Amino acid sequence: MNRHHCEILPEIKLSKTNFSKYETPRRMLKYGGVYVAEIFDDESNRLVWAVLSKRKGIYHFSAFFDSLDMLEQSL
């Protein structure tokens, strides 16, 4: 995270979201121009990293990664 100058966000205001009860972000950071959140994956029962996107005015998670390394490789 330091290598890419990520900004750890203490809070974020999202007025319109499409998150399930399991997708409430535990931690969020800004990676370049992309918001990334650590969320609980109810299918694998593990924490994963998710990319936050906005479509038609509603925020949702569009991609999921098992680790920050995997996220870094795909972005």
C-alpha atoms as a PDB file:
ATOM      1  CA  MET A   1       0.000   0.000   0.000  1.00  0.00           C
ATOM      2  CA  ASN A   2       2.812   2.404   0.828  1.00  0.00           C
ATOM      3  CA  ARG A   3       4.581   1.597  -2.430  1.00  0.00           C
ATOM      4  CA  HIS A   4       1.529   2.762  -4.416  1.00  0.00           C
ATOM      5  CA  HIS A   5       0.727   5.702  -2.136  1.00  0.00           C
ATOM      6  CA  CYS A   6      -2.662   4.324  -1.122  1.00  0.00           C
ATOM      7  CA  GLU A   7      -4.791   6.508   1.096  1.00  0.00           C
ATOM      8  CA  ILE A   8      -6.405   4.709   4.031  1.00  0.00           C
ATOM      9  CA  LEU A   9      -9.850   6.205   4.493  1.00  0.00           C
ATOM     10  CA  PRO A  10     -11.079   6.777   8.054  1.00  0.00           C
ATOM     11  CA  GLU A  11     -14.627   7.175   6.728  1.00  0.00           C
ATOM     12  CA  ILE A  12     -16.494   7.447   3.459  1.00  0.00           C
ATOM     13  CA  LYS A  13     -19.952   8.809   2.767  1.00  0.00           C
ATOM     14  CA  LEU A  14     -21.894   6.740   0.272  1.00  0.00           C
ATOM     15  CA  SER A  15     -25.385   8.060  -0.240  1.00  0.00           C
ATOM     16  CA  LYS A  16     -26.685   5.255  -2.464  1.00  0.00           C
ATOM     17  CA  THR A  17     -25.375   1.734  -2.014  1.00  0.00           C
ATOM     18  CA  ASN A  18     -26.376  -1.720  -3.113  1.00  0.00           C
ATOM     19  CA  PHE A  19     -24.573  -3.696  -0.398  1.00  0.00           C
ATOM     20  CA  SER A  20     -25.847  -6.842   1.261  1.00  0.00           C
ATOM     21  CA  LYS A  21     -25.660  -7.074   5.041  1.00  0.00           C
ATOM     22  CA  TYR A  22     -22.349  -8.931   4.651  1.00  0.00           C
ATOM     23  CA  GLU A  23     -20.782  -6.322   2.385  1.00  0.00           C
ATOM     24  CA  THR A  24     -20.427  -3.537   4.928  1.00  0.00           C
ATOM     25  CA  PRO A  25     -16.786  -2.471   4.517  1.00  0.00           C
ATOM     26  CA  ARG A  26     -14.469  -3.178   7.440  1.00  0.00           C
ATOM     27  CA  ARG A  27     -11.619  -1.103   5.990  1.00  0.00           C
ATOM     28  CA  MET A  28     -11.438   1.117   2.921  1.00  0.00           C
ATOM     29  CA  LEU A  29      -8.613   2.635   0.959  1.00  0.00           C
ATOM     30  CA  LYS A  30      -8.150   4.620  -2.195  1.00  0.00           C
ATOM     31  CA  TYR A  31      -5.854   2.934  -4.715  1.00  0.00           C
ATOM     32  CA  GLY A  32      -5.172   5.457  -7.461  1.00  0.00           C
ATOM     33  CA  GLY A  33      -8.650   6.509  -8.591  1.00  0.00           C
ATOM     34  CA  VAL A  34     -10.329   3.341  -7.301  1.00  0.00           C
ATOM     35  CA  TYR A  35     -11.961   2.715  -3.927  1.00  0.00           C
ATOM     36  CA  VAL A  36     -11.171  -0.674  -2.402  1.00  0.00           C
ATOM     37  CA  ALA A  37     -12.830  -2.222   0.653  1.00  0.00           C
ATOM     38  CA  GLU A  38     -12.206  -5.222   2.851  1.00  0.00           C
ATOM     39  CA  ILE A  39     -15.510  -7.068   3.203  1.00  0.00           C
ATOM     40  CA  PHE A  40     -16.760 -10.398   4.523  1.00  0.00           C
ATOM     41  CA  ASP A  41     -17.557 -12.913   1.764  1.00  0.00           C
ATOM     42  CA  ASP A  42     -20.566 -14.924   2.890  1.00  0.00           C
ATOM     43  CA  GLU A  43     -19.818 -17.699   0.360  1.00  0.00           C
ATOM     44  CA  SER A  44     -16.251 -18.425   1.479  1.00  0.00           C
ATOM     45  CA  ASN A  45     -16.682 -17.163   5.077  1.00  0.00           C
ATOM     46  CA  ARG A  46     -13.496 -15.129   4.668  1.00  0.00           C
ATOM     47  CA  LEU A  47     -12.454 -11.512   4.360  1.00  0.00           C
ATOM     48  CA  VAL A  48     -11.789 -10.415   0.771  1.00  0.00           C
ATOM     49  CA  TRP A  49     -10.871  -7.173  -0.989  1.00  0.00           C
ATOM     50  CA  ALA A  50     -13.500  -5.657  -3.271  1.00  0.00           C
ATOM     51  CA  VAL A  51     -13.401  -2.843  -5.824  1.00  0.00           C
ATOM     52  CA  LEU A  52     -16.142  -0.252  -5.379  1.00  0.00           C
ATOM     53  CA  SER A  53     -17.840   0.973  -8.568  1.00  0.00           C
ATOM     54  CA  LYS A  54     -20.702   3.318  -9.349  1.00  0.00           C
ATOM     55  CA  ARG A  55     -23.311   2.367 -11.921  1.00  0.00           C
ATOM     56  CA  LYS A  56     -26.487   4.327 -12.609  1.00  0.00           C
ATOM     57  CA  GLY A  57     -25.844   6.420  -9.504  1.00  0.00           C
ATOM     58  CA  ILE A  58     -25.622   3.424  -7.146  1.00  0.00           C
ATOM     59  CA  TYR A  59     -22.411   2.156  -5.539  1.00  0.00           C
ATOM     60  CA  HIS A  60     -21.709  -1.587  -5.566  1.00  0.00           C
ATOM     61  CA  PHE A  61     -18.743  -3.949  -5.490  1.00  0.00           C
ATOM     62  CA  SER A  62     -17.717  -5.009  -8.972  1.00  0.00           C
ATOM     63  CA  ALA A  63     -14.668  -7.237  -8.430  1.00  0.00           C
ATOM     64  CA  PHE A  64     -13.423  -9.392  -5.559  1.00  0.00           C
ATOM     65  CA  PHE A  65      -9.899 -10.539  -4.665  1.00  0.00           C
ATOM     66  CA  ASP A  66      -8.528 -12.908  -2.023  1.00  0.00           C
ATOM     67  CA  SER A  67      -5.561 -10.670  -1.248  1.00  0.00           C
ATOM     68  CA  LEU A  68      -4.166  -7.213  -1.862  1.00  0.00           C
ATOM     69  CA  ASP A  69      -1.432  -8.801  -4.000  1.00  0.00           C
ATOM     70  CA  MET A  70      -4.021 -10.301  -6.343  1.00  0.00           C
ATOM     71  CA  LEU A  71      -5.873  -6.984  -6.472  1.00  0.00           C
ATOM     72  CA  GLU A  72      -2.646  -5.152  -7.316  1.00  0.00           C
ATOM     73  CA  GLN A  73      -1.862  -7.554 -10.171  1.00  0.00           C
ATOM     74  CA  SER A  74      -5.281  -7.085 -11.760  1.00  0.00           C
ATOM     75  CA  LEU A  75      -5.450  -3.286 -11.498  1.00  0.00           C
END
